[in-house]
Amino acid sequence: MTDGAPPRARSARLCTLARCVALAVALAGCAGTGPGTAPRPSPAPRTTSPQELCTRLVTHWAHRLLADADGGYGDYQSMGLSNGQYEILRTVLDAGRAEERINGAVSAKELIGHQIARSCTERYRGGGPTGGPWQ
């Protein structure tokens, strides 16, 4: 099924055809942006509130340290916590360990979950921490 054209001419036609296909594909990507067509808005980035971030961080470390018999990891900065968040962690860990001795691990996790949520909400009620720069 040859068209009788020399090989160089067939090669040129194939190259032209390939360019046309590539151009059509490229233009198809722009098809929805003409007049009368509203562009799709990009999704808004999701932000994490200070209360939610505090709750997540302190909960992570509380569960990790509650499970660790030694109870040590490092200083609050190596955990990614502020001084105030670390104070919340220490307070709930003390309560969680006492609860664990009396009523078991499940009860301790429930207790620290409630205390962390309450403390972080209270701490960031006004939108930001109060006190010094690392508080």
C-alpha atoms as a PDB file:
ATOM      1  CA  MET A   1       0.000   0.000   0.000  1.00  0.00           C
ATOM      2  CA  THR A   2       2.437   2.593  -1.167  1.00  0.00           C
ATOM      3  CA  ASP A   3       1.402   5.823  -2.798  1.00  0.00           C
ATOM      4  CA  GLY A   4       4.260   5.767  -5.252  1.00  0.00           C
ATOM      5  CA  ALA A   5       5.987   8.710  -3.593  1.00  0.00           C
ATOM      6  CA  PRO A   6       9.698   8.495  -2.910  1.00  0.00           C
ATOM      7  CA  PRO A   7      10.668   7.521   0.674  1.00  0.00           C
ATOM      8  CA  ARG A   8      11.778  11.053   1.498  1.00  0.00           C
ATOM      9  CA  ALA A   9       8.359  12.477   0.549  1.00  0.00           C
ATOM     10  CA  ARG A  10       6.543   9.821   2.619  1.00  0.00           C
ATOM     11  CA  SER A  11       8.778  10.666   5.555  1.00  0.00           C
ATOM     12  CA  ALA A  12       7.974  14.366   5.186  1.00  0.00           C
ATOM     13  CA  ARG A  13       4.209  13.611   5.094  1.00  0.00           C
ATOM     14  CA  LEU A  14       4.460  11.466   8.221  1.00  0.00           C
ATOM     15  CA  CYS A  15       6.394  14.188   9.990  1.00  0.00           C
ATOM     16  CA  THR A  16       3.770  16.781   8.994  1.00  0.00           C
ATOM     17  CA  LEU A  17       0.991  14.457  10.155  1.00  0.00           C
ATOM     18  CA  ALA A  18       2.745  13.929  13.503  1.00  0.00           C
ATOM     19  CA  ARG A  19       3.079  17.691  13.969  1.00  0.00           C
ATOM     20  CA  CYS A  20      -0.613  18.194  13.209  1.00  0.00           C
ATOM     21  CA  VAL A  21      -1.588  15.530  15.737  1.00  0.00           C
ATOM     22  CA  ALA A  22       0.683  17.058  18.378  1.00  0.00           C
ATOM     23  CA  LEU A  23      -0.789  20.516  17.728  1.00  0.00           C
ATOM     24  CA  ALA A  24      -4.349  19.149  17.952  1.00  0.00           C
ATOM     25  CA  VAL A  25      -3.587  17.465  21.253  1.00  0.00           C
ATOM     26  CA  ALA A  26      -2.025  20.636  22.633  1.00  0.00           C
ATOM     27  CA  LEU A  27      -4.977  22.769  21.535  1.00  0.00           C
ATOM     28  CA  ALA A  28      -7.462  20.291  23.009  1.00  0.00           C
ATOM     29  CA  GLY A  29      -6.028  21.023  26.426  1.00  0.00           C
ATOM     30  CA  CYS A  30      -6.998  24.690  25.982  1.00  0.00           C
ATOM     31  CA  ALA A  31     -10.496  23.973  24.680  1.00  0.00           C
ATOM     32  CA  GLY A  32     -12.398  24.832  27.841  1.00  0.00           C
ATOM     33  CA  THR A  33     -10.916  28.317  28.274  1.00  0.00           C
ATOM     34  CA  GLY A  34     -12.498  30.161  25.353  1.00  0.00           C
ATOM     35  CA  PRO A  35     -15.047  32.976  25.553  1.00  0.00           C
ATOM     36  CA  GLY A  36     -18.158  32.038  27.488  1.00  0.00           C
ATOM     37  CA  THR A  37     -16.411  29.296  29.409  1.00  0.00           C
ATOM     38  CA  ALA A  38     -15.515  29.961  33.021  1.00  0.00           C
ATOM     39  CA  PRO A  39     -12.179  28.525  34.096  1.00  0.00           C
ATOM     40  CA  ARG A  40     -12.304  25.996  36.876  1.00  0.00           C
ATOM     41  CA  PRO A  41     -11.120  27.424  40.157  1.00  0.00           C
ATOM     42  CA  SER A  42      -8.332  25.556  41.844  1.00  0.00           C
ATOM     43  CA  PRO A  43      -9.243  24.062  45.195  1.00  0.00           C
ATOM     44  CA  ALA A  44      -8.461  26.235  48.177  1.00  0.00           C
ATOM     45  CA  PRO A  45      -5.625  24.954  50.338  1.00  0.00           C
ATOM     46  CA  ARG A  46      -6.752  23.439  53.606  1.00  0.00           C
ATOM     47  CA  THR A  47      -5.364  25.137  56.642  1.00  0.00           C
ATOM     48  CA  THR A  48      -5.032  23.574  60.050  1.00  0.00           C
ATOM     49  CA  SER A  49      -6.232  25.646  62.969  1.00  0.00           C
ATOM     50  CA  PRO A  50      -3.838  26.205  65.870  1.00  0.00           C
ATOM     51  CA  GLN A  51      -6.168  24.193  68.138  1.00  0.00           C
ATOM     52  CA  GLU A  52      -6.215  21.244  65.737  1.00  0.00           C
ATOM     53  CA  LEU A  53      -2.451  21.325  65.235  1.00  0.00           C
ATOM     54  CA  CYS A  54      -1.863  21.481  68.998  1.00  0.00           C
ATOM     55  CA  THR A  55      -4.272  18.586  69.552  1.00  0.00           C
ATOM     56  CA  ARG A  56      -2.626  16.435  66.878  1.00  0.00           C
ATOM     57  CA  LEU A  57       0.933  17.073  68.062  1.00  0.00           C
ATOM     58  CA  VAL A  58       0.290  16.677  71.763  1.00  0.00           C
ATOM     59  CA  THR A  59      -1.893  13.591  71.204  1.00  0.00           C
ATOM     60  CA  HIS A  60       0.842  11.971  69.108  1.00  0.00           C
ATOM     61  CA  TRP A  61       3.460  12.495  71.790  1.00  0.00           C
ATOM     62  CA  ALA A  62       1.136  11.624  74.653  1.00  0.00           C
ATOM     63  CA  HIS A  63       0.271   8.245  73.117  1.00  0.00           C
ATOM     64  CA  ARG A  64       3.880   7.579  72.226  1.00  0.00           C
ATOM     65  CA  LEU A  65       5.196   8.458  75.678  1.00  0.00           C
ATOM     66  CA  LEU A  66       2.355   6.708  77.484  1.00  0.00           C
ATOM     67  CA  ALA A  67       3.273   3.498  75.647  1.00  0.00           C
ATOM     68  CA  ASP A  68       6.983   3.986  76.409  1.00  0.00           C
ATOM     69  CA  ALA A  69       7.844   2.525  79.803  1.00  0.00           C
ATOM     70  CA  ASP A  70      10.870   4.823  80.156  1.00  0.00           C
ATOM     71  CA  GLY A  71       8.749   7.876  79.381  1.00  0.00           C
ATOM     72  CA  GLY A  72      11.609   9.841  77.876  1.00  0.00           C
ATOM     73  CA  TYR A  73      12.230  11.162  74.417  1.00  0.00           C
ATOM     74  CA  GLY A  74      13.939  14.505  74.484  1.00  0.00           C
ATOM     75  CA  ASP A  75      13.197  18.141  74.940  1.00  0.00           C
ATOM     76  CA  TYR A  76      10.052  19.835  73.698  1.00  0.00           C
ATOM     77  CA  GLN A  77      11.797  21.455  70.752  1.00  0.00           C
ATOM     78  CA  SER A  78      12.987  18.113  69.383  1.00  0.00           C
ATOM     79  CA  MET A  79       9.335  17.001  69.530  1.00  0.00           C
ATOM     80  CA  GLY A  80       8.244  20.053  67.546  1.00  0.00           C
ATOM     81  CA  LEU A  81       6.257  21.468  70.451  1.00  0.00           C
ATOM     82  CA  SER A  82       6.113  24.924  71.917  1.00  0.00           C
ATOM     83  CA  ASN A  83       6.753  25.358  75.614  1.00  0.00           C
ATOM     84  CA  GLY A  84       3.014  25.737  76.229  1.00  0.00           C
ATOM     85  CA  GLN A  85       2.195  22.600  74.256  1.00  0.00           C
ATOM     86  CA  TYR A  86       4.841  20.750  76.227  1.00  0.00           C
ATOM     87  CA  GLU A  87       3.225  21.888  79.469  1.00  0.00           C
ATOM     88  CA  ILE A  88      -0.077  20.445  78.234  1.00  0.00           C
ATOM     89  CA  LEU A  89       1.725  17.206  77.362  1.00  0.00           C
ATOM     90  CA  ARG A  90       3.334  16.907  80.802  1.00  0.00           C
ATOM     91  CA  THR A  91       0.057  17.589  82.586  1.00  0.00           C
ATOM     92  CA  VAL A  92      -1.961  15.063  80.580  1.00  0.00           C
ATOM     93  CA  LEU A  93       0.781  12.444  80.788  1.00  0.00           C
ATOM     94  CA  ASP A  94       0.791  12.664  84.569  1.00  0.00           C
ATOM     95  CA  ALA A  95      -2.991  12.263  84.631  1.00  0.00           C
ATOM     96  CA  GLY A  96      -2.879   9.519  81.977  1.00  0.00           C
ATOM     97  CA  ARG A  97      -0.282   7.461  83.824  1.00  0.00           C
ATOM     98  CA  ALA A  98      -2.271   7.693  87.053  1.00  0.00           C
ATOM     99  CA  GLU A  99      -5.445   6.683  85.202  1.00  0.00           C
ATOM    100  CA  GLU A 100      -3.641   3.796  83.525  1.00  0.00           C
ATOM    101  CA  ARG A 101      -2.515   2.398  86.881  1.00  0.00           C
ATOM    102  CA  ILE A 102      -6.067   2.521  88.234  1.00  0.00           C
ATOM    103  CA  ASN A 103      -8.337   1.800  85.252  1.00  0.00           C
ATOM    104  CA  GLY A 104      -6.136   0.566  82.409  1.00  0.00           C
ATOM    105  CA  ALA A 105      -4.727   1.807  79.114  1.00  0.00           C
ATOM    106  CA  VAL A 106      -8.033   2.346  77.306  1.00  0.00           C
ATOM    107  CA  SER A 107      -9.323   4.604  80.049  1.00  0.00           C
ATOM    108  CA  ALA A 108      -6.012   6.497  80.110  1.00  0.00           C
ATOM    109  CA  LYS A 109      -6.150   7.152  76.356  1.00  0.00           C
ATOM    110  CA  GLU A 110      -9.717   8.434  76.622  1.00  0.00           C
ATOM    111  CA  LEU A 111      -8.771  10.715  79.496  1.00  0.00           C
ATOM    112  CA  ILE A 112      -5.750  12.221  77.770  1.00  0.00           C
ATOM    113  CA  GLY A 113      -7.741  12.675  74.555  1.00  0.00           C
ATOM    114  CA  HIS A 114     -10.364  14.754  76.357  1.00  0.00           C
ATOM    115  CA  GLN A 115      -7.815  16.717  78.367  1.00  0.00           C
ATOM    116  CA  ILE A 116      -5.668  17.511  75.324  1.00  0.00           C
ATOM    117  CA  ALA A 117      -8.623  18.703  73.270  1.00  0.00           C
ATOM    118  CA  ARG A 118      -9.867  20.899  76.116  1.00  0.00           C
ATOM    119  CA  SER A 119      -6.420  22.307  76.924  1.00  0.00           C
ATOM    120  CA  CYS A 120      -5.500  23.066  73.315  1.00  0.00           C
ATOM    121  CA  THR A 121      -8.870  24.713  72.656  1.00  0.00           C
ATOM    122  CA  GLU A 122      -8.459  26.818  75.780  1.00  0.00           C
ATOM    123  CA  ARG A 123      -4.886  27.723  74.912  1.00  0.00           C
ATOM    124  CA  TYR A 124      -5.690  28.910  71.381  1.00  0.00           C
ATOM    125  CA  ARG A 125      -9.162  30.344  72.069  1.00  0.00           C
ATOM    126  CA  GLY A 126      -8.108  33.808  70.894  1.00  0.00           C
ATOM    127  CA  GLY A 127      -6.389  32.500  67.738  1.00  0.00           C
ATOM    128  CA  GLY A 128      -2.868  32.352  69.110  1.00  0.00           C
ATOM    129  CA  PRO A 129      -0.969  31.519  72.266  1.00  0.00           C
ATOM    130  CA  THR A 130      -0.555  34.031  75.024  1.00  0.00           C
ATOM    131  CA  GLY A 131       2.648  34.818  76.835  1.00  0.00           C
ATOM    132  CA  GLY A 132       6.239  34.745  75.575  1.00  0.00           C
ATOM    133  CA  PRO A 133       7.475  33.958  72.072  1.00  0.00           C
ATOM    134  CA  TRP A 134       7.632  30.186  72.612  1.00  0.00           C
ATOM    135  CA  GLN A 135       4.471  30.037  74.660  1.00  0.00           C
END
